[in-house]
Amino acid sequence: MKNLILVRHAKSSWEAPLHDKDRPLTAQGMKSAHLVSSHINKFLPKTYSVWSSTAERALETAMIFAQNIAFPLESILYKEELYTFDERKLEKVIKSCNNDYDNIIIFGHNEAITNFVNKFGNVFIDNVPTAGFVQIEFDSDNWDTIEKGHTKKVLFPRDLK
């Protein structure tokens, strides 16, 4: 059994003239990340690995979640290949996971996340919003053979306001 949690980075700022990868979270993004992350403990497996895109907004979101779920910040794995908006590239990263990991939390980007959860989950989601949390369970012992899974939990900031 493999368990995947995908979290779209929280709302980021377009204010400063920065490269896309360097955009930080807005105050609202930080608030939403804290809100969602403070409500997920009961949905988390006992052990898991946390991976994040190297984009500033994704790693800031991952750090907020880690603080709220008591996950050591130094244990977050930052992966350049998760800085993608393409679900095929996201799928390739996930399917290349080491099978020693049964539970993975990934912080990444849209359209990749929404398209991935619609391809592999059993609940259609029009759009995974910023700071959105989607958990999918796969009846497989190997990441490279995952197919249609079961969407176990969907939690968006608007659900908690």
N, C-alpha and C. Protein backbone atom coordinates (compact mmCIF):
# COMPACT_ATOMS: atom_id res chain seq x y z
N MET A 1 0.84 -1.17 0.00
CA MET A 1 0.00 0.00 0.00
C MET A 1 0.90 1.25 0.00
N LYS A 2 0.66 2.14 -0.94
CA LYS A 2 1.40 3.40 -1.02
C LYS A 2 0.42 4.54 -0.76
N ASN A 3 0.87 5.54 -0.03
CA ASN A 3 0.04 6.67 0.35
C ASN A 3 0.75 7.96 -0.07
N LEU A 4 0.07 8.76 -0.86
CA LEU A 4 0.64 9.99 -1.39
C LEU A 4 -0.22 11.18 -0.95
N ILE A 5 0.44 12.19 -0.42
CA ILE A 5 -0.23 13.45 -0.10
C ILE A 5 0.41 14.52 -0.96
N LEU A 6 -0.44 15.22 -1.70
CA LEU A 6 0.03 16.33 -2.53
C LEU A 6 -0.51 17.63 -1.93
N VAL A 7 0.37 18.60 -1.78
CA VAL A 7 -0.01 19.91 -1.27
C VAL A 7 0.46 20.96 -2.28
N ARG A 8 -0.50 21.73 -2.76
CA ARG A 8 -0.13 22.84 -3.64
C ARG A 8 0.41 23.96 -2.76
N HIS A 9 1.49 24.58 -3.19
CA HIS A 9 2.06 25.68 -2.41
C HIS A 9 0.98 26.72 -2.11
N ALA A 10 1.17 27.44 -1.01
CA ALA A 10 0.22 28.48 -0.62
C ALA A 10 0.37 29.70 -1.54
N LYS A 11 -0.54 30.65 -1.39
CA LYS A 11 -0.59 31.83 -2.27
C LYS A 11 0.73 32.59 -2.22
N SER A 12 1.22 32.91 -3.40
CA SER A 12 2.50 33.61 -3.50
C SER A 12 2.31 35.00 -4.08
N SER A 13 3.35 35.78 -3.91
CA SER A 13 3.31 37.19 -4.31
C SER A 13 3.84 37.40 -5.72
N TRP A 14 3.14 38.26 -6.43
CA TRP A 14 3.59 38.70 -7.76
C TRP A 14 4.10 40.14 -7.68
N GLU A 15 4.15 40.71 -6.47
CA GLU A 15 4.47 42.13 -6.26
C GLU A 15 5.89 42.49 -6.72
N ALA A 16 6.87 41.79 -6.20
CA ALA A 16 8.26 42.15 -6.49
C ALA A 16 8.68 41.60 -7.86
N PRO A 17 9.59 42.30 -8.52
CA PRO A 17 10.08 41.82 -9.82
C PRO A 17 11.11 40.71 -9.63
N LEU A 18 10.61 39.51 -9.35
CA LEU A 18 11.47 38.36 -9.10
C LEU A 18 11.27 37.30 -10.18
N HIS A 19 12.23 36.40 -10.29
CA HIS A 19 12.03 35.22 -11.13
C HIS A 19 10.92 34.39 -10.51
N ASP A 20 10.18 33.65 -11.32
CA ASP A 20 9.07 32.86 -10.82
C ASP A 20 9.48 31.98 -9.64
N LYS A 21 10.61 31.37 -9.73
CA LYS A 21 11.07 30.43 -8.70
C LYS A 21 11.35 31.11 -7.36
N ASP A 22 11.57 32.42 -7.38
CA ASP A 22 11.95 33.15 -6.17
C ASP A 22 10.79 33.84 -5.47
N ARG A 23 9.57 33.68 -6.00
CA ARG A 23 8.42 34.38 -5.40
C ARG A 23 8.09 33.81 -4.03
N PRO A 24 7.99 34.68 -3.00
CA PRO A 24 7.66 34.22 -1.65
C PRO A 24 6.15 34.14 -1.44
N LEU A 25 5.76 33.62 -0.30
CA LEU A 25 4.35 33.57 0.07
C LEU A 25 3.86 34.96 0.48
N THR A 26 2.58 35.19 0.26
CA THR A 26 1.93 36.40 0.77
C THR A 26 1.52 36.13 2.22
N ALA A 27 1.09 37.18 2.91
CA ALA A 27 0.59 37.01 4.28
C ALA A 27 -0.61 36.06 4.28
N GLN A 28 -1.49 36.21 3.29
CA GLN A 28 -2.65 35.32 3.18
C GLN A 28 -2.20 33.88 2.92
N GLY A 29 -1.17 33.71 2.11
CA GLY A 29 -0.64 32.38 1.84
C GLY A 29 -0.12 31.72 3.12
N MET A 30 0.61 32.49 3.92
CA MET A 30 1.11 31.96 5.19
C MET A 30 -0.04 31.56 6.11
N LYS A 31 -1.05 32.41 6.16
CA LYS A 31 -2.22 32.14 7.00
C LYS A 31 -2.93 30.85 6.55
N SER A 32 -3.12 30.70 5.25
CA SER A 32 -3.78 29.50 4.71
C SER A 32 -2.95 28.23 4.97
N ALA A 33 -1.64 28.34 4.81
CA ALA A 33 -0.76 27.18 5.07
C ALA A 33 -0.85 26.76 6.53
N HIS A 34 -0.86 27.73 7.44
CA HIS A 34 -1.01 27.42 8.87
C HIS A 34 -2.38 26.80 9.14
N LEU A 35 -3.41 27.34 8.51
CA LEU A 35 -4.77 26.86 8.72
C LEU A 35 -4.90 25.39 8.32
N VAL A 36 -4.50 25.07 7.11
CA VAL A 36 -4.64 23.69 6.62
C VAL A 36 -3.73 22.75 7.41
N SER A 37 -2.48 23.15 7.61
CA SER A 37 -1.54 22.26 8.29
C SER A 37 -1.91 21.99 9.73
N SER A 38 -2.67 22.88 10.34
CA SER A 38 -3.08 22.65 11.73
C SER A 38 -4.28 21.70 11.83
N HIS A 39 -4.81 21.28 10.68
CA HIS A 39 -5.98 20.38 10.68
C HIS A 39 -5.70 19.01 10.04
N ILE A 40 -4.44 18.69 9.78
CA ILE A 40 -4.17 17.45 9.04
C ILE A 40 -3.58 16.31 9.86
N ASN A 41 -3.19 16.55 11.09
CA ASN A 41 -2.52 15.50 11.87
C ASN A 41 -3.28 14.19 11.88
N LYS A 42 -4.59 14.23 12.00
CA LYS A 42 -5.38 12.99 12.09
C LYS A 42 -5.41 12.21 10.76
N PHE A 43 -4.98 12.85 9.68
CA PHE A 43 -4.99 12.19 8.37
C PHE A 43 -3.61 11.66 7.97
N LEU A 44 -2.60 11.98 8.76
CA LEU A 44 -1.24 11.61 8.39
C LEU A 44 -0.88 10.20 8.86
N PRO A 45 -0.13 9.48 8.05
CA PRO A 45 0.37 8.17 8.50
C PRO A 45 1.41 8.39 9.61
N LYS A 46 1.77 7.31 10.30
CA LYS A 46 2.73 7.43 11.41
C LYS A 46 4.10 7.89 10.94
N THR A 47 4.53 7.38 9.80
CA THR A 47 5.83 7.78 9.25
C THR A 47 5.65 8.22 7.81
N TYR A 48 6.46 9.16 7.38
CA TYR A 48 6.37 9.67 6.02
C TYR A 48 7.63 10.44 5.68
N SER A 49 7.82 10.62 4.41
CA SER A 49 8.91 11.43 3.89
C SER A 49 8.29 12.69 3.29
N VAL A 50 8.96 13.82 3.45
CA VAL A 50 8.44 15.08 2.92
C VAL A 50 9.39 15.58 1.84
N TRP A 51 8.81 15.83 0.65
CA TRP A 51 9.57 16.35 -0.48
C TRP A 51 8.96 17.66 -0.92
N SER A 52 9.81 18.56 -1.40
CA SER A 52 9.32 19.85 -1.86
C SER A 52 10.04 20.30 -3.12
N SER A 53 9.29 21.03 -3.93
CA SER A 53 9.89 21.75 -5.05
C SER A 53 10.90 22.73 -4.47
N THR A 54 11.85 23.12 -5.27
CA THR A 54 12.86 24.08 -4.83
C THR A 54 12.41 25.53 -4.98
N ALA A 55 11.21 25.76 -5.49
CA ALA A 55 10.68 27.12 -5.59
C ALA A 55 10.44 27.67 -4.19
N GLU A 56 10.75 28.92 -3.98
CA GLU A 56 10.62 29.56 -2.67
C GLU A 56 9.23 29.36 -2.06
N ARG A 57 8.18 29.54 -2.84
CA ARG A 57 6.82 29.44 -2.31
C ARG A 57 6.48 28.03 -1.86
N ALA A 58 7.02 27.03 -2.54
CA ALA A 58 6.78 25.64 -2.14
C ALA A 58 7.57 25.30 -0.88
N LEU A 59 8.82 25.71 -0.84
CA LEU A 59 9.61 25.37 0.35
C LEU A 59 9.13 26.12 1.58
N GLU A 60 8.64 27.36 1.43
CA GLU A 60 8.06 28.08 2.57
C GLU A 60 6.80 27.37 3.06
N THR A 61 5.98 26.89 2.13
CA THR A 61 4.78 26.15 2.50
C THR A 61 5.16 24.86 3.24
N ALA A 62 6.14 24.14 2.71
CA ALA A 62 6.60 22.90 3.35
C ALA A 62 7.11 23.17 4.76
N MET A 63 7.82 24.27 4.95
CA MET A 63 8.34 24.60 6.28
C MET A 63 7.21 24.90 7.26
N ILE A 64 6.18 25.61 6.82
CA ILE A 64 5.04 25.91 7.70
C ILE A 64 4.34 24.61 8.09
N PHE A 65 4.10 23.74 7.12
CA PHE A 65 3.46 22.45 7.42
C PHE A 65 4.34 21.65 8.38
N ALA A 66 5.64 21.60 8.13
CA ALA A 66 6.55 20.83 8.98
C ALA A 66 6.50 21.33 10.43
N GLN A 67 6.48 22.63 10.60
CA GLN A 67 6.42 23.19 11.95
C GLN A 67 5.13 22.77 12.65
N ASN A 68 4.02 22.81 11.94
CA ASN A 68 2.73 22.51 12.55
C ASN A 68 2.46 21.02 12.76
N ILE A 69 3.16 20.16 12.02
CA ILE A 69 2.97 18.72 12.22
C ILE A 69 4.18 18.11 12.94
N ALA A 70 5.05 18.95 13.45
CA ALA A 70 6.23 18.52 14.21
C ALA A 70 7.13 17.59 13.39
N PHE A 71 7.39 17.97 12.15
CA PHE A 71 8.31 17.25 11.28
C PHE A 71 9.61 18.04 11.23
N PRO A 72 10.76 17.41 11.43
CA PRO A 72 12.03 18.16 11.44
C PRO A 72 12.30 18.85 10.09
N LEU A 73 12.53 20.16 10.15
CA LEU A 73 12.78 20.93 8.92
C LEU A 73 13.94 20.37 8.12
N GLU A 74 14.97 19.90 8.81
CA GLU A 74 16.15 19.39 8.11
C GLU A 74 15.88 18.06 7.40
N SER A 75 14.73 17.45 7.64
CA SER A 75 14.38 16.19 6.98
C SER A 75 13.63 16.39 5.66
N ILE A 76 13.27 17.64 5.35
CA ILE A 76 12.58 17.91 4.08
C ILE A 76 13.58 17.72 2.95
N LEU A 77 13.20 16.95 1.94
CA LEU A 77 14.05 16.77 0.77
C LEU A 77 13.60 17.74 -0.32
N TYR A 78 14.50 18.59 -0.76
CA TYR A 78 14.18 19.55 -1.81
C TYR A 78 14.62 18.97 -3.15
N LYS A 79 13.65 18.87 -4.07
CA LYS A 79 13.92 18.23 -5.36
C LYS A 79 13.63 19.19 -6.50
N GLU A 80 14.65 19.50 -7.26
CA GLU A 80 14.54 20.40 -8.40
C GLU A 80 13.47 19.93 -9.39
N GLU A 81 13.38 18.61 -9.59
CA GLU A 81 12.43 18.08 -10.57
C GLU A 81 10.97 18.26 -10.15
N LEU A 82 10.72 18.64 -8.90
CA LEU A 82 9.34 18.93 -8.48
C LEU A 82 8.92 20.36 -8.83
N TYR A 83 9.85 21.15 -9.32
CA TYR A 83 9.50 22.48 -9.84
C TYR A 83 8.98 22.28 -11.26
N THR A 84 7.75 21.80 -11.32
CA THR A 84 7.13 21.51 -12.62
C THR A 84 5.64 21.81 -12.56
N PHE A 85 5.09 22.13 -13.71
CA PHE A 85 3.66 22.41 -13.83
C PHE A 85 3.01 21.32 -14.70
N ASP A 86 3.80 20.33 -15.07
CA ASP A 86 3.40 19.26 -15.97
C ASP A 86 3.17 17.97 -15.19
N GLU A 87 1.96 17.43 -15.23
CA GLU A 87 1.64 16.23 -14.45
C GLU A 87 2.44 15.02 -14.90
N ARG A 88 2.86 14.98 -16.16
CA ARG A 88 3.67 13.83 -16.61
C ARG A 88 5.03 13.84 -15.93
N LYS A 89 5.60 15.03 -15.74
CA LYS A 89 6.88 15.12 -15.05
C LYS A 89 6.70 14.79 -13.57
N LEU A 90 5.60 15.27 -12.98
CA LEU A 90 5.30 14.95 -11.58
C LEU A 90 5.10 13.44 -11.42
N GLU A 91 4.36 12.85 -12.34
CA GLU A 91 4.14 11.40 -12.31
C GLU A 91 5.47 10.66 -12.40
N LYS A 92 6.36 11.10 -13.24
CA LYS A 92 7.66 10.46 -13.39
C LYS A 92 8.45 10.50 -12.08
N VAL A 93 8.41 11.65 -11.39
CA VAL A 93 9.11 11.77 -10.10
C VAL A 93 8.50 10.80 -9.09
N ILE A 94 7.18 10.78 -9.00
CA ILE A 94 6.49 9.93 -8.03
C ILE A 94 6.74 8.45 -8.34
N LYS A 95 6.66 8.08 -9.61
CA LYS A 95 6.86 6.67 -9.98
C LYS A 95 8.32 6.22 -9.83
N SER A 96 9.23 7.18 -9.65
CA SER A 96 10.63 6.82 -9.45
C SER A 96 11.01 6.79 -7.96
N CYS A 97 10.01 6.97 -7.09
CA CYS A 97 10.27 6.94 -5.64
C CYS A 97 10.82 5.58 -5.23
N ASN A 98 11.69 5.61 -4.26
CA ASN A 98 12.22 4.39 -3.66
C ASN A 98 11.07 3.68 -2.94
N ASN A 99 10.91 2.40 -3.17
CA ASN A 99 9.81 1.64 -2.56
C ASN A 99 9.94 1.46 -1.05
N ASP A 100 11.09 1.87 -0.49
CA ASP A 100 11.22 1.87 0.97
C ASP A 100 10.28 2.90 1.60
N TYR A 101 9.90 3.91 0.83
CA TYR A 101 8.96 4.93 1.31
C TYR A 101 7.54 4.49 0.98
N ASP A 102 6.73 4.27 2.00
CA ASP A 102 5.32 3.94 1.75
C ASP A 102 4.44 5.18 1.76
N ASN A 103 4.89 6.24 2.44
CA ASN A 103 4.09 7.45 2.62
C ASN A 103 4.93 8.68 2.28
N ILE A 104 4.45 9.45 1.31
CA ILE A 104 5.20 10.63 0.87
C ILE A 104 4.26 11.83 0.82
N ILE A 105 4.77 12.95 1.32
CA ILE A 105 4.07 14.23 1.20
C ILE A 105 4.89 15.08 0.24
N ILE A 106 4.24 15.59 -0.81
CA ILE A 106 4.94 16.39 -1.82
C ILE A 106 4.32 17.78 -1.89
N PHE A 107 5.17 18.78 -1.86
CA PHE A 107 4.76 20.18 -2.02
C PHE A 107 5.17 20.63 -3.41
N GLY A 108 4.16 21.02 -4.20
CA GLY A 108 4.46 21.37 -5.58
C GLY A 108 3.52 22.40 -6.16
N HIS A 109 3.27 22.28 -7.46
CA HIS A 109 2.64 23.35 -8.23
C HIS A 109 1.47 22.84 -9.07
N ASN A 110 0.60 23.77 -9.42
CA ASN A 110 -0.45 23.50 -10.40
C ASN A 110 0.10 23.84 -11.77
N GLU A 111 -0.44 23.34 -12.70
CA GLU A 111 -1.45 22.42 -13.11
C GLU A 111 -1.07 20.99 -12.80
N ALA A 112 0.19 20.74 -12.51
CA ALA A 112 0.65 19.38 -12.30
C ALA A 112 -0.16 18.67 -11.22
N ILE A 113 -0.40 19.34 -10.09
CA ILE A 113 -1.10 18.67 -8.98
C ILE A 113 -2.55 18.36 -9.34
N THR A 114 -3.29 19.35 -9.83
CA THR A 114 -4.69 19.11 -10.18
C THR A 114 -4.81 18.01 -11.23
N ASN A 115 -4.01 18.06 -12.26
CA ASN A 115 -4.09 17.04 -13.31
C ASN A 115 -3.68 15.66 -12.79
N PHE A 116 -2.69 15.61 -11.91
CA PHE A 116 -2.26 14.33 -11.34
C PHE A 116 -3.38 13.73 -10.49
N VAL A 117 -3.98 14.52 -9.59
CA VAL A 117 -5.02 13.96 -8.72
C VAL A 117 -6.25 13.53 -9.51
N ASN A 118 -6.50 14.19 -10.63
CA ASN A 118 -7.63 13.76 -11.46
C ASN A 118 -7.32 12.51 -12.26
N LYS A 119 -6.07 12.30 -12.61
CA LYS A 119 -5.68 11.09 -13.33
C LYS A 119 -5.60 9.89 -12.38
N PHE A 120 -5.07 10.10 -11.18
CA PHE A 120 -4.80 8.98 -10.28
C PHE A 120 -5.77 8.83 -9.12
N GLY A 121 -6.53 9.87 -8.81
CA GLY A 121 -7.51 9.76 -7.74
C GLY A 121 -8.86 9.36 -8.29
N ASN A 122 -9.81 9.06 -7.40
CA ASN A 122 -11.14 8.66 -7.86
C ASN A 122 -12.19 9.74 -7.59
N VAL A 123 -11.74 10.94 -7.26
CA VAL A 123 -12.65 12.08 -7.06
C VAL A 123 -12.18 13.19 -7.98
N PHE A 124 -13.07 13.70 -8.83
CA PHE A 124 -12.69 14.80 -9.73
C PHE A 124 -12.60 16.09 -8.92
N ILE A 125 -11.52 16.82 -9.12
CA ILE A 125 -11.32 18.11 -8.48
C ILE A 125 -11.07 19.12 -9.58
N ASP A 126 -11.95 20.10 -9.67
CA ASP A 126 -11.84 21.11 -10.72
C ASP A 126 -10.51 21.85 -10.65
N ASN A 127 -10.10 22.20 -9.43
CA ASN A 127 -8.85 22.94 -9.25
C ASN A 127 -8.40 22.78 -7.80
N VAL A 128 -7.20 22.27 -7.59
CA VAL A 128 -6.65 22.23 -6.25
C VAL A 128 -6.14 23.64 -5.96
N PRO A 129 -6.76 24.32 -4.99
CA PRO A 129 -6.36 25.71 -4.73
C PRO A 129 -5.04 25.79 -3.98
N THR A 130 -4.50 26.97 -3.87
CA THR A 130 -3.28 27.18 -3.10
C THR A 130 -3.52 26.69 -1.68
N ALA A 131 -2.52 26.03 -1.12
CA ALA A 131 -2.54 25.40 0.21
C ALA A 131 -3.51 24.22 0.27
N GLY A 132 -3.95 23.72 -0.89
CA GLY A 132 -4.84 22.57 -0.94
C GLY A 132 -4.09 21.27 -0.64
N PHE A 133 -4.77 20.35 0.04
CA PHE A 133 -4.22 19.08 0.51
C PHE A 133 -5.06 17.95 -0.08
N VAL A 134 -4.42 17.02 -0.79
CA VAL A 134 -5.13 15.87 -1.36
C VAL A 134 -4.34 14.61 -1.03
N GLN A 135 -5.03 13.62 -0.45
CA GLN A 135 -4.42 12.36 -0.07
C GLN A 135 -4.99 11.24 -0.93
N ILE A 136 -4.08 10.49 -1.57
CA ILE A 136 -4.49 9.37 -2.42
C ILE A 136 -3.77 8.12 -1.94
N GLU A 137 -4.53 7.04 -1.80
CA GLU A 137 -3.98 5.75 -1.39
C GLU A 137 -3.99 4.82 -2.60
N PHE A 138 -2.88 4.12 -2.78
CA PHE A 138 -2.73 3.20 -3.91
C PHE A 138 -2.58 1.77 -3.41
N ASP A 139 -3.30 0.86 -4.03
CA ASP A 139 -3.21 -0.55 -3.71
C ASP A 139 -2.04 -1.15 -4.49
N SER A 140 -0.85 -0.77 -4.09
CA SER A 140 0.36 -1.20 -4.79
C SER A 140 1.51 -1.18 -3.78
N ASP A 141 2.47 -2.07 -3.97
CA ASP A 141 3.67 -2.06 -3.13
C ASP A 141 4.83 -1.37 -3.83
N ASN A 142 4.59 -0.94 -5.07
CA ASN A 142 5.65 -0.30 -5.86
C ASN A 142 5.15 1.02 -6.44
N TRP A 143 5.92 2.06 -6.24
CA TRP A 143 5.53 3.35 -6.79
C TRP A 143 5.45 3.32 -8.31
N ASP A 144 6.34 2.57 -8.94
CA ASP A 144 6.36 2.60 -10.41
C ASP A 144 5.18 1.88 -11.05
N THR A 145 4.36 1.18 -10.24
CA THR A 145 3.20 0.50 -10.81
C THR A 145 1.87 1.11 -10.33
N ILE A 146 1.93 2.27 -9.68
CA ILE A 146 0.67 2.85 -9.21
C ILE A 146 -0.25 3.15 -10.38
N GLU A 147 -1.52 2.90 -10.15
CA GLU A 147 -2.56 3.21 -11.12
C GLU A 147 -3.64 3.98 -10.39
N LYS A 148 -4.86 3.87 -10.83
CA LYS A 148 -5.95 4.59 -10.19
C LYS A 148 -6.00 4.25 -8.70
N GLY A 149 -5.97 5.29 -7.86
CA GLY A 149 -6.00 5.10 -6.42
C GLY A 149 -7.32 5.57 -5.84
N HIS A 150 -7.36 5.60 -4.53
CA HIS A 150 -8.55 6.03 -3.80
C HIS A 150 -8.24 7.37 -3.12
N THR A 151 -9.00 8.40 -3.47
CA THR A 151 -8.82 9.71 -2.85
C THR A 151 -9.39 9.64 -1.44
N LYS A 152 -8.51 9.67 -0.44
CA LYS A 152 -8.94 9.48 0.95
C LYS A 152 -9.36 10.79 1.62
N LYS A 153 -8.66 11.88 1.29
CA LYS A 153 -8.98 13.14 1.96
C LYS A 153 -8.65 14.30 1.03
N VAL A 154 -9.57 15.26 1.01
CA VAL A 154 -9.36 16.51 0.29
C VAL A 154 -9.65 17.61 1.31
N LEU A 155 -8.70 18.51 1.50
CA LEU A 155 -8.88 19.60 2.46
C LEU A 155 -8.32 20.89 1.87
N PHE A 156 -9.22 21.85 1.72
CA PHE A 156 -8.82 23.15 1.16
C PHE A 156 -9.05 24.24 2.20
N PRO A 157 -8.32 25.35 2.10
CA PRO A 157 -8.50 26.43 3.08
C PRO A 157 -9.96 26.87 3.22
N ARG A 158 -10.69 26.93 2.11
CA ARG A 158 -12.10 27.39 2.18
C ARG A 158 -12.97 26.46 3.01
N ASP A 159 -12.54 25.18 3.17
CA ASP A 159 -13.30 24.23 3.99
C ASP A 159 -13.17 24.53 5.48
N LEU A 160 -12.19 25.34 5.84
CA LEU A 160 -11.88 25.58 7.25
C LEU A 160 -12.24 27.00 7.70
N LYS A 161 -12.80 27.78 6.81
CA LYS A 161 -13.11 29.17 7.17
C LYS A 161 -14.56 29.31 7.59
